[in-house]
Amino acid sequence: MTQRTKFYHAGCAVCVDAERRFADALDPDRYDVEVVHLGEAPDRIAEAEAAGVKSVPAFVVDGHPYHINFGASLDDLKGGA
């Protein structure tokens, strides 16, 4: 059984690197990863906030947010949306 996992990012260099290094490296037999580019899908920012995401890049695994590095705050993304 795989764990539903979301990887939220905004397309910045930090986010793209995190996607390449971490999201793509997770075992697909254990993790079902959905990549959500909030720059392309700003309507999903509220979803990320509700999941506890404060900045991107961030994973949400089993309902728990894990922030990798500080690329951009969700407040900054909302300002540009």
N, C-alpha and C. Protein backbone atom coordinates (compact mmCIF):
# COMPACT_ATOMS: atom_id res chain seq x y z
N MET A 1 0.85 -1.18 0.00
CA MET A 1 0.00 0.00 0.00
C MET A 1 0.89 1.24 0.00
N THR A 2 0.56 2.20 -0.86
CA THR A 2 1.36 3.41 -0.95
C THR A 2 0.75 4.54 -0.12
N GLN A 3 1.62 5.41 0.37
CA GLN A 3 1.17 6.59 1.11
C GLN A 3 0.97 7.73 0.13
N ARG A 4 -0.18 8.36 0.22
CA ARG A 4 -0.44 9.53 -0.61
C ARG A 4 0.43 10.66 -0.12
N THR A 5 1.16 11.24 -1.04
CA THR A 5 2.12 12.28 -0.73
C THR A 5 1.96 13.41 -1.74
N LYS A 6 2.01 14.65 -1.25
CA LYS A 6 1.98 15.79 -2.16
C LYS A 6 3.27 16.57 -1.97
N PHE A 7 3.81 17.00 -3.08
CA PHE A 7 5.00 17.84 -3.07
C PHE A 7 4.59 19.18 -3.66
N TYR A 8 4.55 20.20 -2.82
CA TYR A 8 4.17 21.54 -3.25
C TYR A 8 5.43 22.35 -3.55
N HIS A 9 5.40 23.06 -4.67
CA HIS A 9 6.52 23.94 -5.00
C HIS A 9 6.04 25.08 -5.88
N ALA A 10 6.95 26.03 -6.13
CA ALA A 10 6.57 27.22 -6.90
C ALA A 10 7.42 27.40 -8.15
N GLY A 11 8.26 26.43 -8.46
CA GLY A 11 9.05 26.51 -9.67
C GLY A 11 10.39 27.22 -9.53
N CYS A 12 10.71 27.69 -8.33
CA CYS A 12 12.00 28.36 -8.13
C CYS A 12 13.13 27.33 -8.19
N ALA A 13 14.36 27.81 -8.25
CA ALA A 13 15.51 26.90 -8.35
C ALA A 13 15.58 25.92 -7.17
N VAL A 14 15.30 26.41 -5.96
CA VAL A 14 15.32 25.54 -4.77
C VAL A 14 14.26 24.46 -4.92
N CYS A 15 13.08 24.84 -5.38
CA CYS A 15 11.98 23.88 -5.52
C CYS A 15 12.27 22.83 -6.58
N VAL A 16 12.78 23.27 -7.72
CA VAL A 16 13.08 22.33 -8.81
C VAL A 16 14.17 21.35 -8.37
N ASP A 17 15.17 21.85 -7.65
CA ASP A 17 16.23 20.97 -7.15
C ASP A 17 15.65 19.96 -6.15
N ALA A 18 14.77 20.42 -5.25
CA ALA A 18 14.15 19.52 -4.27
C ALA A 18 13.30 18.46 -4.96
N GLU A 19 12.59 18.85 -6.00
CA GLU A 19 11.79 17.87 -6.74
C GLU A 19 12.70 16.81 -7.34
N ARG A 20 13.76 17.23 -7.97
CA ARG A 20 14.68 16.29 -8.61
C ARG A 20 15.36 15.38 -7.59
N ARG A 21 15.78 15.95 -6.46
CA ARG A 21 16.53 15.17 -5.48
C ARG A 21 15.65 14.30 -4.58
N PHE A 22 14.47 14.79 -4.24
CA PHE A 22 13.66 14.10 -3.23
C PHE A 22 12.38 13.47 -3.80
N ALA A 23 11.56 14.27 -4.46
CA ALA A 23 10.28 13.73 -4.95
C ALA A 23 10.50 12.60 -5.95
N ASP A 24 11.45 12.80 -6.85
CA ASP A 24 11.71 11.77 -7.86
C ASP A 24 12.44 10.56 -7.28
N ALA A 25 13.05 10.72 -6.10
CA ALA A 25 13.83 9.64 -5.50
C ALA A 25 13.00 8.72 -4.61
N LEU A 26 11.79 9.12 -4.27
CA LEU A 26 10.97 8.28 -3.38
C LEU A 26 10.54 7.01 -4.09
N ASP A 27 10.52 5.94 -3.36
CA ASP A 27 10.13 4.63 -3.88
C ASP A 27 8.66 4.65 -4.28
N PRO A 28 8.35 4.50 -5.57
CA PRO A 28 6.95 4.54 -6.00
C PRO A 28 6.10 3.39 -5.46
N ASP A 29 6.74 2.33 -4.96
CA ASP A 29 5.99 1.25 -4.33
C ASP A 29 5.52 1.63 -2.93
N ARG A 30 6.13 2.67 -2.36
CA ARG A 30 5.77 3.12 -1.02
C ARG A 30 5.06 4.46 -0.99
N TYR A 31 5.35 5.33 -1.99
CA TYR A 31 4.81 6.68 -1.99
C TYR A 31 4.18 7.02 -3.34
N ASP A 32 2.95 7.46 -3.29
CA ASP A 32 2.24 7.95 -4.47
C ASP A 32 2.36 9.47 -4.43
N VAL A 33 3.34 10.04 -5.17
CA VAL A 33 3.66 11.46 -5.08
C VAL A 33 2.92 12.25 -6.16
N GLU A 34 2.17 13.25 -5.72
CA GLU A 34 1.56 14.21 -6.63
C GLU A 34 2.37 15.49 -6.51
N VAL A 35 2.91 15.97 -7.62
CA VAL A 35 3.66 17.21 -7.64
C VAL A 35 2.69 18.34 -7.97
N VAL A 36 2.65 19.35 -7.09
CA VAL A 36 1.74 20.48 -7.27
C VAL A 36 2.58 21.75 -7.41
N HIS A 37 2.58 22.31 -8.60
CA HIS A 37 3.31 23.55 -8.90
C HIS A 37 2.35 24.70 -8.63
N LEU A 38 2.52 25.36 -7.50
CA LEU A 38 1.58 26.41 -7.08
C LEU A 38 1.67 27.66 -7.96
N GLY A 39 2.77 27.84 -8.67
CA GLY A 39 2.86 28.94 -9.62
C GLY A 39 1.94 28.73 -10.81
N GLU A 40 1.74 27.47 -11.16
CA GLU A 40 0.85 27.12 -12.28
C GLU A 40 -0.57 26.80 -11.81
N ALA A 41 -0.73 26.52 -10.53
CA ALA A 41 -2.04 26.17 -9.97
C ALA A 41 -2.28 26.99 -8.69
N PRO A 42 -2.34 28.33 -8.80
CA PRO A 42 -2.52 29.16 -7.61
C PRO A 42 -3.83 28.89 -6.86
N ASP A 43 -4.78 28.28 -7.54
CA ASP A 43 -6.04 27.93 -6.89
C ASP A 43 -5.85 26.83 -5.83
N ARG A 44 -4.68 26.21 -5.79
CA ARG A 44 -4.42 25.15 -4.81
C ARG A 44 -3.62 25.63 -3.60
N ILE A 45 -3.34 26.94 -3.54
CA ILE A 45 -2.61 27.49 -2.40
C ILE A 45 -3.39 27.27 -1.10
N ALA A 46 -4.70 27.47 -1.13
CA ALA A 46 -5.53 27.26 0.07
C ALA A 46 -5.45 25.80 0.53
N GLU A 47 -5.39 24.88 -0.40
CA GLU A 47 -5.25 23.45 -0.08
C GLU A 47 -3.93 23.20 0.65
N ALA A 48 -2.85 23.80 0.14
CA ALA A 48 -1.54 23.66 0.77
C ALA A 48 -1.56 24.25 2.18
N GLU A 49 -2.16 25.43 2.32
CA GLU A 49 -2.28 26.07 3.64
C GLU A 49 -3.04 25.18 4.61
N ALA A 50 -4.15 24.62 4.16
CA ALA A 50 -4.97 23.76 5.01
C ALA A 50 -4.21 22.51 5.45
N ALA A 51 -3.23 22.10 4.65
CA ALA A 51 -2.42 20.93 4.99
C ALA A 51 -1.25 21.30 5.91
N GLY A 52 -1.11 22.59 6.23
CA GLY A 52 -0.06 23.02 7.15
C GLY A 52 1.20 23.54 6.49
N VAL A 53 1.18 23.67 5.17
CA VAL A 53 2.35 24.17 4.45
C VAL A 53 2.46 25.67 4.69
N LYS A 54 3.65 26.11 5.07
CA LYS A 54 3.93 27.53 5.31
C LYS A 54 4.81 28.13 4.22
N SER A 55 5.67 27.28 3.65
CA SER A 55 6.56 27.71 2.57
C SER A 55 6.84 26.52 1.67
N VAL A 56 7.32 26.83 0.49
CA VAL A 56 7.67 25.77 -0.46
C VAL A 56 9.16 25.83 -0.74
N PRO A 57 9.75 24.70 -1.04
CA PRO A 57 9.18 23.39 -1.29
C PRO A 57 8.80 22.67 0.01
N ALA A 58 7.75 21.88 -0.08
CA ALA A 58 7.30 21.12 1.08
C ALA A 58 6.56 19.86 0.63
N PHE A 59 6.75 18.82 1.40
CA PHE A 59 5.99 17.59 1.22
C PHE A 59 4.88 17.55 2.25
N VAL A 60 3.79 16.91 1.90
CA VAL A 60 2.76 16.55 2.88
C VAL A 60 2.62 15.04 2.76
N VAL A 61 3.03 14.34 3.81
CA VAL A 61 3.01 12.88 3.83
C VAL A 61 2.10 12.45 4.96
N ASP A 62 1.09 11.70 4.61
CA ASP A 62 0.18 11.17 5.61
C ASP A 62 -0.41 12.29 6.47
N GLY A 63 -0.68 13.43 5.85
CA GLY A 63 -1.29 14.55 6.55
C GLY A 63 -0.34 15.42 7.34
N HIS A 64 0.97 15.15 7.26
CA HIS A 64 1.96 15.92 8.00
C HIS A 64 2.85 16.70 7.04
N PRO A 65 2.98 18.03 7.23
CA PRO A 65 3.84 18.82 6.35
C PRO A 65 5.31 18.71 6.75
N TYR A 66 6.17 18.65 5.75
CA TYR A 66 7.61 18.62 5.95
C TYR A 66 8.22 19.66 5.02
N HIS A 67 8.78 20.70 5.60
CA HIS A 67 9.38 21.78 4.83
C HIS A 67 10.85 21.45 4.58
N ILE A 68 11.26 21.50 3.33
CA ILE A 68 12.61 21.10 2.96
C ILE A 68 13.59 22.27 3.12
N ASN A 69 13.24 23.39 2.59
CA ASN A 69 14.09 24.57 2.57
C ASN A 69 13.16 25.75 2.35
N PHE A 70 13.65 26.93 2.51
CA PHE A 70 12.78 28.08 2.31
C PHE A 70 13.00 28.65 0.92
N GLY A 71 12.08 28.33 0.01
CA GLY A 71 12.12 28.88 -1.34
C GLY A 71 11.23 30.10 -1.44
N ALA A 72 9.98 29.97 -0.97
CA ALA A 72 9.02 31.08 -0.99
C ALA A 72 7.92 30.78 0.03
N SER A 73 7.46 31.82 0.69
CA SER A 73 6.34 31.63 1.61
C SER A 73 5.04 31.58 0.82
N LEU A 74 4.03 30.95 1.39
CA LEU A 74 2.74 30.94 0.72
C LEU A 74 2.15 32.34 0.65
N ASP A 75 2.46 33.19 1.63
CA ASP A 75 2.00 34.57 1.58
C ASP A 75 2.56 35.29 0.34
N ASP A 76 3.82 35.04 0.02
CA ASP A 76 4.41 35.63 -1.19
C ASP A 76 3.70 35.11 -2.44
N LEU A 77 3.37 33.84 -2.46
CA LEU A 77 2.67 33.27 -3.62
C LEU A 77 1.28 33.85 -3.76
N LYS A 78 0.60 34.09 -2.65
CA LYS A 78 -0.74 34.67 -2.71
C LYS A 78 -0.67 36.10 -3.25
N GLY A 79 0.38 36.82 -2.90
CA GLY A 79 0.54 38.19 -3.39
C GLY A 79 0.71 38.25 -4.89
N GLY A 80 1.30 37.20 -5.45
CA GLY A 80 1.53 37.16 -6.89
C GLY A 80 0.42 36.46 -7.65
N ALA A 81 -0.53 35.88 -6.92
CA ALA A 81 -1.59 35.10 -7.57
C ALA A 81 -2.71 35.99 -8.03
